[in-house]
Amino acid sequence: MSDKADKSNIVNYKFHHVDISKCKRCKAFSCEDACFRGIYEVLNKDTEPMCVVVEDREDNCVKCHICTTACKLKAITID
């Protein structure tokens, strides 16, 4: 049953997947800074941070995985 709880915290985009429960503990916002294509934006930085994929930018991703390695909490996965 814990797998279902974990999956409910994952926001799925076309091929990016963000575990927003991990984002809530983030203080660095590395994903936003690491992506040279501007794919990510962190909302609510002062309260409960949440990484989102910027609308219409996901197709610009070259799947370099810089974001996945920059995120120390391992909140981002890419197919």
N, C-alpha and C. Protein backbone atom coordinates (compact mmCIF):
# COMPACT_ATOMS: atom_id res chain seq x y z
N MET A 1 0.82 -1.19 0.00
CA MET A 1 0.00 0.00 0.00
C MET A 1 0.86 1.26 0.00
N SER A 2 2.07 1.18 0.49
CA SER A 2 2.94 2.35 0.51
C SER A 2 3.34 2.78 -0.90
N ASP A 3 3.38 1.84 -1.86
CA ASP A 3 3.69 2.20 -3.24
C ASP A 3 2.62 3.12 -3.82
N LYS A 4 1.38 2.86 -3.50
CA LYS A 4 0.29 3.71 -3.99
C LYS A 4 0.40 5.11 -3.42
N ALA A 5 0.75 5.23 -2.16
CA ALA A 5 0.91 6.54 -1.53
C ALA A 5 2.05 7.31 -2.19
N ASP A 6 3.14 6.62 -2.48
CA ASP A 6 4.27 7.27 -3.12
C ASP A 6 3.91 7.74 -4.53
N LYS A 7 3.21 6.92 -5.27
CA LYS A 7 2.85 7.27 -6.65
C LYS A 7 1.85 8.41 -6.71
N SER A 8 1.06 8.58 -5.66
CA SER A 8 0.08 9.68 -5.66
C SER A 8 0.76 11.04 -5.52
N ASN A 9 2.01 11.04 -5.08
CA ASN A 9 2.76 12.29 -4.93
C ASN A 9 3.52 12.66 -6.20
N ILE A 10 3.45 11.83 -7.21
CA ILE A 10 4.20 12.07 -8.44
C ILE A 10 3.31 12.75 -9.47
N VAL A 11 3.78 13.90 -9.95
CA VAL A 11 3.09 14.61 -11.01
C VAL A 11 3.73 14.19 -12.32
N ASN A 12 2.92 13.65 -13.22
CA ASN A 12 3.42 13.14 -14.50
C ASN A 12 3.16 14.13 -15.62
N TYR A 13 4.20 14.36 -16.37
CA TYR A 13 4.10 15.17 -17.58
C TYR A 13 4.33 14.22 -18.75
N LYS A 14 4.63 14.71 -19.90
CA LYS A 14 4.82 13.86 -21.08
C LYS A 14 5.88 12.78 -20.81
N PHE A 15 7.06 13.18 -20.38
CA PHE A 15 8.10 12.21 -20.03
C PHE A 15 8.91 12.62 -18.80
N HIS A 16 8.50 13.70 -18.14
CA HIS A 16 9.08 14.10 -16.87
C HIS A 16 8.13 13.67 -15.75
N HIS A 17 8.71 13.30 -14.63
CA HIS A 17 7.91 12.90 -13.47
C HIS A 17 8.54 13.55 -12.24
N VAL A 18 7.72 14.25 -11.47
CA VAL A 18 8.22 15.01 -10.33
C VAL A 18 7.50 14.55 -9.06
N ASP A 19 8.29 14.12 -8.08
CA ASP A 19 7.74 13.71 -6.79
C ASP A 19 7.61 14.97 -5.93
N ILE A 20 6.41 15.51 -5.86
CA ILE A 20 6.20 16.79 -5.18
C ILE A 20 6.35 16.68 -3.66
N SER A 21 6.26 15.47 -3.11
CA SER A 21 6.48 15.32 -1.67
C SER A 21 7.95 15.60 -1.34
N LYS A 22 8.85 15.28 -2.25
CA LYS A 22 10.28 15.57 -2.04
C LYS A 22 10.55 17.06 -2.26
N CYS A 23 9.84 17.67 -3.18
CA CYS A 23 10.02 19.10 -3.46
C CYS A 23 9.74 19.96 -2.22
N LYS A 24 8.82 19.52 -1.41
CA LYS A 24 8.43 20.30 -0.23
C LYS A 24 9.58 20.50 0.75
N ARG A 25 10.58 19.61 0.70
CA ARG A 25 11.74 19.72 1.60
C ARG A 25 12.90 20.47 0.97
N CYS A 26 12.76 20.85 -0.28
CA CYS A 26 13.86 21.46 -1.04
C CYS A 26 14.14 22.89 -0.59
N LYS A 27 15.41 23.20 -0.52
CA LYS A 27 15.85 24.57 -0.20
C LYS A 27 16.75 25.14 -1.30
N ALA A 28 17.24 24.28 -2.19
CA ALA A 28 18.24 24.69 -3.17
C ALA A 28 17.65 25.10 -4.52
N PHE A 29 16.55 24.51 -4.92
CA PHE A 29 15.90 24.78 -6.21
C PHE A 29 16.87 24.55 -7.37
N SER A 30 17.64 23.49 -7.27
CA SER A 30 18.68 23.15 -8.26
C SER A 30 18.13 22.88 -9.64
N CYS A 31 16.95 22.30 -9.72
CA CYS A 31 16.38 21.94 -11.02
C CYS A 31 16.21 23.18 -11.89
N GLU A 32 15.74 24.23 -11.28
CA GLU A 32 15.48 25.48 -11.99
C GLU A 32 16.79 26.08 -12.53
N ASP A 33 17.83 26.01 -11.74
CA ASP A 33 19.12 26.58 -12.13
C ASP A 33 19.89 25.68 -13.09
N ALA A 34 19.75 24.37 -12.94
CA ALA A 34 20.55 23.42 -13.73
C ALA A 34 20.09 23.32 -15.18
N CYS A 35 18.80 23.43 -15.42
CA CYS A 35 18.27 23.22 -16.77
C CYS A 35 18.53 24.44 -17.65
N PHE A 36 19.39 24.26 -18.64
CA PHE A 36 19.73 25.37 -19.53
C PHE A 36 18.63 25.65 -20.55
N ARG A 37 17.62 24.83 -20.60
CA ARG A 37 16.49 25.04 -21.52
C ARG A 37 15.27 25.64 -20.82
N GLY A 38 15.38 25.88 -19.52
CA GLY A 38 14.28 26.52 -18.78
C GLY A 38 13.04 25.65 -18.66
N ILE A 39 13.23 24.35 -18.53
CA ILE A 39 12.10 23.42 -18.47
C ILE A 39 11.35 23.54 -17.14
N TYR A 40 12.07 23.81 -16.06
CA TYR A 40 11.48 23.77 -14.72
C TYR A 40 11.30 25.15 -14.12
N GLU A 41 10.25 25.23 -13.30
CA GLU A 41 10.01 26.41 -12.48
C GLU A 41 9.60 25.91 -11.11
N VAL A 42 10.10 26.53 -10.07
CA VAL A 42 9.73 26.15 -8.71
C VAL A 42 8.73 27.18 -8.20
N LEU A 43 7.56 26.69 -7.84
CA LEU A 43 6.50 27.53 -7.30
C LEU A 43 6.55 27.50 -5.78
N ASN A 44 6.03 28.51 -5.15
CA ASN A 44 5.89 28.57 -3.68
C ASN A 44 7.21 28.36 -2.95
N LYS A 45 8.26 29.01 -3.38
CA LYS A 45 9.58 28.81 -2.78
C LYS A 45 9.62 29.15 -1.29
N ASP A 46 8.80 30.07 -0.85
CA ASP A 46 8.82 30.50 0.55
C ASP A 46 7.96 29.63 1.47
N THR A 47 7.04 28.85 0.89
CA THR A 47 6.15 28.04 1.73
C THR A 47 6.37 26.55 1.48
N GLU A 48 5.67 25.99 0.50
CA GLU A 48 5.83 24.58 0.13
C GLU A 48 6.28 24.50 -1.31
N PRO A 49 7.58 24.44 -1.54
CA PRO A 49 8.11 24.43 -2.91
C PRO A 49 7.55 23.27 -3.73
N MET A 50 7.33 23.55 -5.00
CA MET A 50 6.86 22.52 -5.92
C MET A 50 7.45 22.79 -7.30
N CYS A 51 8.18 21.82 -7.79
CA CYS A 51 8.79 21.92 -9.11
C CYS A 51 7.75 21.54 -10.16
N VAL A 52 7.60 22.38 -11.16
CA VAL A 52 6.68 22.09 -12.26
C VAL A 52 7.43 22.23 -13.58
N VAL A 53 6.93 21.52 -14.58
CA VAL A 53 7.46 21.65 -15.93
C VAL A 53 6.70 22.80 -16.58
N VAL A 54 7.44 23.75 -17.11
CA VAL A 54 6.83 24.92 -17.73
C VAL A 54 6.06 24.48 -18.98
N GLU A 55 4.83 24.93 -19.07
CA GLU A 55 3.97 24.57 -20.19
C GLU A 55 4.64 24.92 -21.52
N ASP A 56 4.55 24.02 -22.46
CA ASP A 56 5.09 24.17 -23.82
C ASP A 56 6.61 24.13 -23.91
N ARG A 57 7.31 23.80 -22.82
CA ARG A 57 8.78 23.71 -22.90
C ARG A 57 9.29 22.28 -22.82
N GLU A 58 8.44 21.36 -22.42
CA GLU A 58 8.91 19.98 -22.23
C GLU A 58 9.48 19.39 -23.51
N ASP A 59 8.92 19.73 -24.65
CA ASP A 59 9.43 19.21 -25.92
C ASP A 59 10.82 19.74 -26.26
N ASN A 60 11.27 20.78 -25.58
CA ASN A 60 12.62 21.32 -25.79
C ASN A 60 13.69 20.53 -25.04
N CYS A 61 13.26 19.62 -24.18
CA CYS A 61 14.19 18.83 -23.36
C CYS A 61 15.00 17.89 -24.25
N VAL A 62 16.31 17.85 -24.03
CA VAL A 62 17.19 16.96 -24.78
C VAL A 62 17.57 15.73 -23.94
N LYS A 63 16.91 15.58 -22.79
CA LYS A 63 17.13 14.44 -21.88
C LYS A 63 18.59 14.28 -21.49
N CYS A 64 19.21 15.38 -21.15
CA CYS A 64 20.62 15.37 -20.74
C CYS A 64 20.79 14.89 -19.30
N HIS A 65 19.72 14.90 -18.53
CA HIS A 65 19.69 14.44 -17.14
C HIS A 65 20.50 15.30 -16.17
N ILE A 66 20.84 16.51 -16.57
CA ILE A 66 21.50 17.42 -15.64
C ILE A 66 20.57 17.73 -14.47
N CYS A 67 19.29 17.86 -14.75
CA CYS A 67 18.31 18.16 -13.71
C CYS A 67 18.19 17.02 -12.71
N THR A 68 18.21 15.79 -13.19
CA THR A 68 18.05 14.65 -12.28
C THR A 68 19.26 14.51 -11.36
N THR A 69 20.43 14.86 -11.84
CA THR A 69 21.61 14.79 -10.98
C THR A 69 21.74 16.03 -10.10
N ALA A 70 21.22 17.15 -10.54
CA ALA A 70 21.27 18.38 -9.74
C ALA A 70 20.33 18.31 -8.55
N CYS A 71 19.23 17.61 -8.71
CA CYS A 71 18.23 17.49 -7.62
C CYS A 71 18.74 16.49 -6.60
N LYS A 72 19.20 16.99 -5.47
CA LYS A 72 19.77 16.14 -4.43
C LYS A 72 18.72 15.25 -3.77
N LEU A 73 17.45 15.64 -3.85
CA LEU A 73 16.38 14.85 -3.26
C LEU A 73 15.85 13.77 -4.22
N LYS A 74 16.37 13.74 -5.43
CA LYS A 74 15.96 12.75 -6.45
C LYS A 74 14.46 12.82 -6.73
N ALA A 75 13.93 14.03 -6.83
CA ALA A 75 12.50 14.22 -7.06
C ALA A 75 12.13 14.11 -8.54
N ILE A 76 13.11 14.24 -9.43
CA ILE A 76 12.82 14.27 -10.87
C ILE A 76 13.30 12.98 -11.52
N THR A 77 12.43 12.41 -12.36
CA THR A 77 12.83 11.30 -13.21
C THR A 77 12.38 11.61 -14.64
N ILE A 78 13.11 11.07 -15.59
CA ILE A 78 12.80 11.29 -17.01
C ILE A 78 12.75 9.93 -17.69
N ASP A 79 11.73 9.73 -18.52
CA ASP A 79 11.63 8.49 -19.31
C ASP A 79 12.57 8.56 -20.49
